[in-house]
Amino acid sequence: MALNDKLGDNGDAFYNCLMAAHDGLSEAQSHALNARLVLILANEIADLDVLQDLIGEAAQNARAQ
Protein backbone atom coordinates (compact mmCIF):
# COMPACT_ATOMS: atom_id res chain seq x y z
CA MET A 1 0.00 0.00 0.00
CA ALA A 2 1.48 3.31 -1.04
CA LEU A 3 1.07 5.94 1.63
CA ASN A 4 0.00 9.35 0.39
CA ASP A 5 0.79 12.51 2.30
CA LYS A 6 -2.69 13.67 3.22
CA LEU A 7 -1.53 16.09 5.92
CA GLY A 8 0.41 18.31 3.55
CA ASP A 9 1.48 21.49 5.32
CA ASN A 10 -0.13 20.23 8.54
CA GLY A 11 2.35 17.36 8.92
CA ASP A 12 4.77 19.35 11.06
CA ALA A 13 1.97 20.72 13.22
CA PHE A 14 0.66 17.19 13.80
CA TYR A 15 4.15 15.93 14.69
CA ASN A 16 4.66 18.83 17.12
CA CYS A 17 1.29 18.15 18.74
CA LEU A 18 2.13 14.46 19.10
CA MET A 19 5.52 15.19 20.63
CA ALA A 20 3.98 17.74 23.01
CA ALA A 21 1.49 15.11 24.19
CA HIS A 22 4.47 12.94 25.23
CA ASP A 23 6.24 15.71 27.16
CA GLY A 24 6.72 14.79 30.80
CA LEU A 25 5.51 11.21 30.41
CA SER A 26 7.46 8.18 31.56
CA GLU A 27 8.31 5.56 28.95
CA ALA A 28 5.40 3.40 30.15
CA GLN A 29 3.00 6.35 30.00
CA SER A 30 4.26 7.22 26.53
CA HIS A 31 3.64 3.66 25.32
CA ALA A 32 0.15 3.76 26.86
CA LEU A 33 -0.57 7.06 25.10
CA ASN A 34 0.52 5.58 21.78
CA ALA A 35 -1.66 2.50 22.32
CA ARG A 36 -4.71 4.63 23.14
CA LEU A 37 -4.05 6.86 20.15
CA VAL A 38 -3.79 3.86 17.81
CA LEU A 39 -7.15 2.53 19.04
CA ILE A 40 -8.83 5.93 18.73
CA LEU A 41 -7.49 6.46 15.20
CA ALA A 42 -8.46 2.90 14.22
CA ASN A 43 -11.98 3.60 15.42
CA GLU A 44 -12.06 6.75 13.26
CA ILE A 45 -10.83 4.85 10.18
CA ALA A 46 -13.28 2.02 10.90
CA ASP A 47 -12.32 -0.05 7.84
CA LEU A 48 -10.74 -3.38 8.78
CA ASP A 49 -9.16 -3.92 5.35
CA VAL A 50 -7.49 -0.50 5.45
CA LEU A 51 -6.35 -1.06 9.04
CA GLN A 52 -4.84 -4.44 8.20
CA ASP A 53 -2.99 -2.93 5.23
CA LEU A 54 -1.67 -0.10 7.39
CA ILE A 55 -0.52 -2.48 10.13
CA GLY A 56 1.27 -4.60 7.54
CA GLU A 57 2.97 -1.54 6.07
CA ALA A 58 4.07 -0.29 9.48
CA ALA A 59 5.35 -3.72 10.52
CA GLN A 60 7.30 -4.12 7.28
CA ASN A 61 8.90 -0.68 7.74
CA ALA A 62 9.76 -1.45 11.37
CA ARG A 63 11.52 -4.68 10.38
CA ALA A 64 13.51 -2.88 7.67
CA GLN A 65 15.11 -0.51 10.17
PDB file of N, CA and C in Angstrom:
ATOM      1  N   MET A   1       0.854  -1.180   0.000  1.00  0.00           N
ATOM      2  CA  MET A   1       0.000   0.000   0.000  1.00  0.00           C
ATOM      3  C   MET A   1       0.893   1.235   0.000  1.00  0.00           C
ATOM      4  N   ALA A   2       0.740   2.061  -0.980  1.00  0.00           N
ATOM      5  CA  ALA A   2       1.484   3.313  -1.043  1.00  0.00           C
ATOM      6  C   ALA A   2       0.812   4.337  -0.135  1.00  0.00           C
ATOM      7  N   LEU A   3       1.609   4.940   0.718  1.00  0.00           N
ATOM      8  CA  LEU A   3       1.069   5.942   1.626  1.00  0.00           C
ATOM      9  C   LEU A   3       1.159   7.314   0.991  1.00  0.00           C
ATOM     10  N   ASN A   4       0.057   7.994   0.939  1.00  0.00           N
ATOM     11  CA  ASN A   4       0.002   9.348   0.389  1.00  0.00           C
ATOM     12  C   ASN A   4       0.038  10.353   1.531  1.00  0.00           C
ATOM     13  N   ASP A   5       0.728  11.456   1.308  1.00  0.00           N
ATOM     14  CA  ASP A   5       0.794  12.514   2.304  1.00  0.00           C
ATOM     15  C   ASP A   5      -0.504  13.310   2.269  1.00  0.00           C
ATOM     16  N   LYS A   6      -1.404  12.980   3.179  1.00  0.00           N
ATOM     17  CA  LYS A   6      -2.692  13.670   3.221  1.00  0.00           C
ATOM     18  C   LYS A   6      -2.684  14.855   4.196  1.00  0.00           C
ATOM     19  N   LEU A   7      -1.611  14.972   4.974  1.00  0.00           N
ATOM     20  CA  LEU A   7      -1.526  16.090   5.920  1.00  0.00           C
ATOM     21  C   LEU A   7      -0.957  17.350   5.275  1.00  0.00           C
ATOM     22  N   GLY A   8      -0.166  17.161   4.227  1.00  0.00           N
ATOM     23  CA  GLY A   8       0.408  18.315   3.547  1.00  0.00           C
ATOM     24  C   GLY A   8       1.163  19.223   4.498  1.00  0.00           C
ATOM     25  N   ASP A   9       0.814  20.495   4.468  1.00  0.00           N
ATOM     26  CA  ASP A   9       1.484  21.491   5.316  1.00  0.00           C
ATOM     27  C   ASP A   9       1.198  21.290   6.799  1.00  0.00           C
ATOM     28  N   ASN A  10       0.213  20.468   7.140  1.00  0.00           N
ATOM     29  CA  ASN A  10      -0.125  20.229   8.541  1.00  0.00           C
ATOM     30  C   ASN A  10       0.696  19.115   9.179  1.00  0.00           C
ATOM     31  N   GLY A  11       1.555  18.467   8.393  1.00  0.00           N
ATOM     32  CA  GLY A  11       2.354  17.365   8.915  1.00  0.00           C
ATOM     33  C   GLY A  11       3.221  17.770  10.094  1.00  0.00           C
ATOM     34  N   ASP A  12       3.918  18.889   9.968  1.00  0.00           N
ATOM     35  CA  ASP A  12       4.773  19.354  11.058  1.00  0.00           C
ATOM     36  C   ASP A  12       3.955  19.727  12.286  1.00  0.00           C
ATOM     37  N   ALA A  13       2.821  20.340  12.080  1.00  0.00           N
ATOM     38  CA  ALA A  13       1.967  20.719  13.215  1.00  0.00           C
ATOM     39  C   ALA A  13       1.463  19.474  13.940  1.00  0.00           C
ATOM     40  N   PHE A  14       1.088  18.437  13.174  1.00  0.00           N
ATOM     41  CA  PHE A  14       0.657  17.188  13.803  1.00  0.00           C
ATOM     42  C   PHE A  14       1.795  16.571  14.606  1.00  0.00           C
ATOM     43  N   TYR A  15       2.986  16.500  14.001  1.00  0.00           N
ATOM     44  CA  TYR A  15       4.146  15.934  14.691  1.00  0.00           C
ATOM     45  C   TYR A  15       4.433  16.704  15.985  1.00  0.00           C
ATOM     46  N   ASN A  16       4.413  18.011  15.924  1.00  0.00           N
ATOM     47  CA  ASN A  16       4.663  18.827  17.118  1.00  0.00           C
ATOM     48  C   ASN A  16       3.621  18.577  18.187  1.00  0.00           C
ATOM     49  N   CYS A  17       2.362  18.446  17.792  1.00  0.00           N
ATOM     50  CA  CYS A  17       1.286  18.149  18.740  1.00  0.00           C
ATOM     51  C   CYS A  17       1.505  16.788  19.392  1.00  0.00           C
ATOM     52  N   LEU A  18       1.882  15.808  18.584  1.00  0.00           N
ATOM     53  CA  LEU A  18       2.128  14.460  19.098  1.00  0.00           C
ATOM     54  C   LEU A  18       3.289  14.461  20.084  1.00  0.00           C
ATOM     55  N   MET A  19       4.363  15.136  19.737  1.00  0.00           N
ATOM     56  CA  MET A  19       5.521  15.192  20.632  1.00  0.00           C
ATOM     57  C   MET A  19       5.175  15.934  21.927  1.00  0.00           C
ATOM     58  N   ALA A  20       4.389  16.992  21.823  1.00  0.00           N
ATOM     59  CA  ALA A  20       3.982  17.737  23.015  1.00  0.00           C
ATOM     60  C   ALA A  20       3.136  16.870  23.942  1.00  0.00           C
ATOM     61  N   ALA A  21       2.324  15.997  23.366  1.00  0.00           N
ATOM     62  CA  ALA A  21       1.493  15.108  24.189  1.00  0.00           C
ATOM     63  C   ALA A  21       2.352  14.149  25.003  1.00  0.00           C
ATOM     64  N   HIS A  22       3.567  13.864  24.535  1.00  0.00           N
ATOM     65  CA  HIS A  22       4.475  12.940  25.232  1.00  0.00           C
ATOM     66  C   HIS A  22       5.357  13.643  26.263  1.00  0.00           C
ATOM     67  N   ASP A  23       5.390  14.970  26.229  1.00  0.00           N
ATOM     68  CA  ASP A  23       6.241  15.714  27.160  1.00  0.00           C
ATOM     69  C   ASP A  23       5.886  15.374  28.606  1.00  0.00           C
ATOM     70  N   GLY A  24       6.901  15.045  29.379  1.00  0.00           N
ATOM     71  CA  GLY A  24       6.721  14.790  30.798  1.00  0.00           C
ATOM     72  C   GLY A  24       6.213  13.395  31.141  1.00  0.00           C
ATOM     73  N   LEU A  25       5.999  12.558  30.139  1.00  0.00           N
ATOM     74  CA  LEU A  25       5.509  11.211  30.406  1.00  0.00           C
ATOM     75  C   LEU A  25       6.681  10.252  30.600  1.00  0.00           C
ATOM     76  N   SER A  26       6.472   9.252  31.442  1.00  0.00           N
ATOM     77  CA  SER A  26       7.458   8.179  31.557  1.00  0.00           C
ATOM     78  C   SER A  26       7.391   7.336  30.293  1.00  0.00           C
ATOM     79  N   GLU A  27       8.334   6.435  30.125  1.00  0.00           N
ATOM     80  CA  GLU A  27       8.311   5.564  28.953  1.00  0.00           C
ATOM     81  C   GLU A  27       7.028   4.727  28.926  1.00  0.00           C
ATOM     82  N   ALA A  28       6.631   4.208  30.078  1.00  0.00           N
ATOM     83  CA  ALA A  28       5.402   3.405  30.147  1.00  0.00           C
ATOM     84  C   ALA A  28       4.170   4.245  29.809  1.00  0.00           C
ATOM     85  N   GLN A  29       4.124   5.463  30.313  1.00  0.00           N
ATOM     86  CA  GLN A  29       2.999   6.352  30.002  1.00  0.00           C
ATOM     87  C   GLN A  29       2.977   6.711  28.518  1.00  0.00           C
ATOM     88  N   SER A  30       4.161   6.900  27.939  1.00  0.00           N
ATOM     89  CA  SER A  30       4.261   7.225  26.529  1.00  0.00           C
ATOM     90  C   SER A  30       3.755   6.059  25.673  1.00  0.00           C
ATOM     91  N   HIS A  31       4.138   4.839  26.045  1.00  0.00           N
ATOM     92  CA  HIS A  31       3.638   3.660  25.319  1.00  0.00           C
ATOM     93  C   HIS A  31       2.123   3.545  25.454  1.00  0.00           C
ATOM     94  N   ALA A  32       1.603   3.826  26.637  1.00  0.00           N
ATOM     95  CA  ALA A  32       0.153   3.760  26.857  1.00  0.00           C
ATOM     96  C   ALA A  32      -0.572   4.817  26.018  1.00  0.00           C
ATOM     97  N   LEU A  33      -0.002   6.009  25.942  1.00  0.00           N
ATOM     98  CA  LEU A  33      -0.575   7.062  25.102  1.00  0.00           C
ATOM     99  C   LEU A  33      -0.620   6.619  23.644  1.00  0.00           C
ATOM    100  N   ASN A  34       0.485   6.054  23.161  1.00  0.00           N
ATOM    101  CA  ASN A  34       0.520   5.578  21.777  1.00  0.00           C
ATOM    102  C   ASN A  34      -0.527   4.499  21.538  1.00  0.00           C
ATOM    103  N   ALA A  35      -0.674   3.574  22.469  1.00  0.00           N
ATOM    104  CA  ALA A  35      -1.663   2.501  22.316  1.00  0.00           C
ATOM    105  C   ALA A  35      -3.075   3.072  22.264  1.00  0.00           C
ATOM    106  N   ARG A  36      -3.378   4.003  23.153  1.00  0.00           N
ATOM    107  CA  ARG A  36      -4.710   4.632  23.145  1.00  0.00           C
ATOM    108  C   ARG A  36      -4.941   5.378  21.840  1.00  0.00           C
ATOM    109  N   LEU A  37      -3.930   6.093  21.390  1.00  0.00           N
ATOM    110  CA  LEU A  37      -4.055   6.864  20.150  1.00  0.00           C
ATOM    111  C   LEU A  37      -4.301   5.939  18.956  1.00  0.00           C
ATOM    112  N   VAL A  38      -3.586   4.816  18.899  1.00  0.00           N
ATOM    113  CA  VAL A  38      -3.792   3.857  17.810  1.00  0.00           C
ATOM    114  C   VAL A  38      -5.238   3.367  17.808  1.00  0.00           C
ATOM    115  N   LEU A  39      -5.768   3.031  18.965  1.00  0.00           N
ATOM    116  CA  LEU A  39      -7.147   2.533  19.038  1.00  0.00           C
ATOM    117  C   LEU A  39      -8.161   3.616  18.656  1.00  0.00           C
ATOM    118  N   ILE A  40      -7.925   4.836  19.079  1.00  0.00           N
ATOM    119  CA  ILE A  40      -8.829   5.935  18.730  1.00  0.00           C
ATOM    120  C   ILE A  40      -8.805   6.192  17.225  1.00  0.00           C
ATOM    121  N   LEU A  41      -7.603   6.231  16.643  1.00  0.00           N
ATOM    122  CA  LEU A  41      -7.494   6.462  15.204  1.00  0.00           C
ATOM    123  C   LEU A  41      -8.081   5.295  14.414  1.00  0.00           C
ATOM    124  N   ALA A  42      -7.878   4.068  14.892  1.00  0.00           N
ATOM    125  CA  ALA A  42      -8.465   2.898  14.219  1.00  0.00           C
ATOM    126  C   ALA A  42      -9.981   2.988  14.230  1.00  0.00           C
ATOM    127  N   ASN A  43     -10.534   3.438  15.333  1.00  0.00           N
ATOM    128  CA  ASN A  43     -11.982   3.600  15.417  1.00  0.00           C
ATOM    129  C   ASN A  43     -12.463   4.653  14.422  1.00  0.00           C
ATOM    130  N   GLU A  44     -11.691   5.703  14.220  1.00  0.00           N
ATOM    131  CA  GLU A  44     -12.063   6.746  13.264  1.00  0.00           C
ATOM    132  C   GLU A  44     -11.973   6.231  11.827  1.00  0.00           C
ATOM    133  N   ILE A  45     -10.964   5.418  11.524  1.00  0.00           N
ATOM    134  CA  ILE A  45     -10.826   4.852  10.175  1.00  0.00           C
ATOM    135  C   ILE A  45     -11.931   3.842   9.929  1.00  0.00           C
ATOM    136  N   ALA A  46     -12.146   2.950  10.865  1.00  0.00           N
ATOM    137  CA  ALA A  46     -13.285   2.019  10.895  1.00  0.00           C
ATOM    138  C   ALA A  46     -13.413   1.126   9.662  1.00  0.00           C
ATOM    139  N   ASP A  47     -12.304   0.851   8.994  1.00  0.00           N
ATOM    140  CA  ASP A  47     -12.321  -0.048   7.837  1.00  0.00           C
ATOM    141  C   ASP A  47     -11.247  -1.103   8.083  1.00  0.00           C
ATOM    142  N   LEU A  48     -11.679  -2.340   8.391  1.00  0.00           N
ATOM    143  CA  LEU A  48     -10.736  -3.382   8.777  1.00  0.00           C
ATOM    144  C   LEU A  48      -9.705  -3.667   7.685  1.00  0.00           C
ATOM    145  N   ASP A  49     -10.116  -3.669   6.439  1.00  0.00           N
ATOM    146  CA  ASP A  49      -9.160  -3.924   5.347  1.00  0.00           C
ATOM    147  C   ASP A  49      -8.071  -2.854   5.314  1.00  0.00           C
ATOM    148  N   VAL A  50      -8.459  -1.602   5.437  1.00  0.00           N
ATOM    149  CA  VAL A  50      -7.491  -0.503   5.451  1.00  0.00           C
ATOM    150  C   VAL A  50      -6.577  -0.630   6.670  1.00  0.00           C
ATOM    151  N   LEU A  51      -7.153  -0.921   7.819  1.00  0.00           N
ATOM    152  CA  LEU A  51      -6.351  -1.055   9.038  1.00  0.00           C
ATOM    153  C   LEU A  51      -5.342  -2.187   8.923  1.00  0.00           C
ATOM    154  N   GLN A  52      -5.754  -3.325   8.370  1.00  0.00           N
ATOM    155  CA  GLN A  52      -4.839  -4.445   8.199  1.00  0.00           C
ATOM    156  C   GLN A  52      -3.715  -4.083   7.237  1.00  0.00           C
ATOM    157  N   ASP A  53      -4.029  -3.383   6.169  1.00  0.00           N
ATOM    158  CA  ASP A  53      -2.994  -2.934   5.234  1.00  0.00           C
ATOM    159  C   ASP A  53      -2.012  -1.981   5.914  1.00  0.00           C
ATOM    160  N   LEU A  54      -2.528  -1.062   6.705  1.00  0.00           N
ATOM    161  CA  LEU A  54      -1.669  -0.098   7.390  1.00  0.00           C
ATOM    162  C   LEU A  54      -0.783  -0.774   8.429  1.00  0.00           C
ATOM    163  N   ILE A  55      -1.321  -1.740   9.154  1.00  0.00           N
ATOM    164  CA  ILE A  55      -0.521  -2.480  10.135  1.00  0.00           C
ATOM    165  C   ILE A  55       0.584  -3.242   9.423  1.00  0.00           C
ATOM    166  N   GLY A  56       0.252  -3.879   8.307  1.00  0.00           N
ATOM    167  CA  GLY A  56       1.267  -4.597   7.538  1.00  0.00           C
ATOM    168  C   GLY A  56       2.364  -3.682   7.043  1.00  0.00           C
ATOM    169  N   GLU A  57       1.978  -2.523   6.551  1.00  0.00           N
ATOM    170  CA  GLU A  57       2.968  -1.540   6.070  1.00  0.00           C
ATOM    171  C   GLU A  57       3.865  -1.076   7.208  1.00  0.00           C
ATOM    172  N   ALA A  58       3.279  -0.759   8.336  1.00  0.00           N
ATOM    173  CA  ALA A  58       4.072  -0.285   9.484  1.00  0.00           C
ATOM    174  C   ALA A  58       4.998  -1.381   9.989  1.00  0.00           C
ATOM    175  N   ALA A  59       4.522  -2.616  10.052  1.00  0.00           N
ATOM    176  CA  ALA A  59       5.350  -3.724  10.517  1.00  0.00           C
ATOM    177  C   ALA A  59       6.516  -3.972   9.571  1.00  0.00           C
ATOM    178  N   GLN A  60       6.252  -3.913   8.279  1.00  0.00           N
ATOM    179  CA  GLN A  60       7.301  -4.116   7.285  1.00  0.00           C
ATOM    180  C   GLN A  60       8.370  -3.025   7.404  1.00  0.00           C
ATOM    181  N   ASN A  61       7.940  -1.788   7.581  1.00  0.00           N
ATOM    182  CA  ASN A  61       8.896  -0.681   7.740  1.00  0.00           C
ATOM    183  C   ASN A  61       9.697  -0.814   9.014  1.00  0.00           C
ATOM    184  N   ALA A  62       9.061  -1.285  10.092  1.00  0.00           N
ATOM    185  CA  ALA A  62       9.762  -1.450  11.371  1.00  0.00           C
ATOM    186  C   ALA A  62      10.837  -2.519  11.254  1.00  0.00           C
ATOM    187  N   ARG A  63      10.543  -3.594  10.541  1.00  0.00           N
ATOM    188  CA  ARG A  63      11.520  -4.680  10.383  1.00  0.00           C
ATOM    189  C   ARG A  63      12.699  -4.259   9.497  1.00  0.00           C
ATOM    190  N   ALA A  64      12.461  -3.316   8.593  1.00  0.00           N
ATOM    191  CA  ALA A  64      13.509  -2.879   7.669  1.00  0.00           C
ATOM    192  C   ALA A  64      14.518  -1.951   8.332  1.00  0.00           C
ATOM    193  N   GLN A  65      14.204  -1.466   9.513  1.00  0.00           N
ATOM    194  CA  GLN A  65      15.112  -0.506  10.167  1.00  0.00           C
ATOM    195  C   GLN A  65      16.093  -1.159  11.070  1.00  0.00           C
TER     196      GLN A  65
END
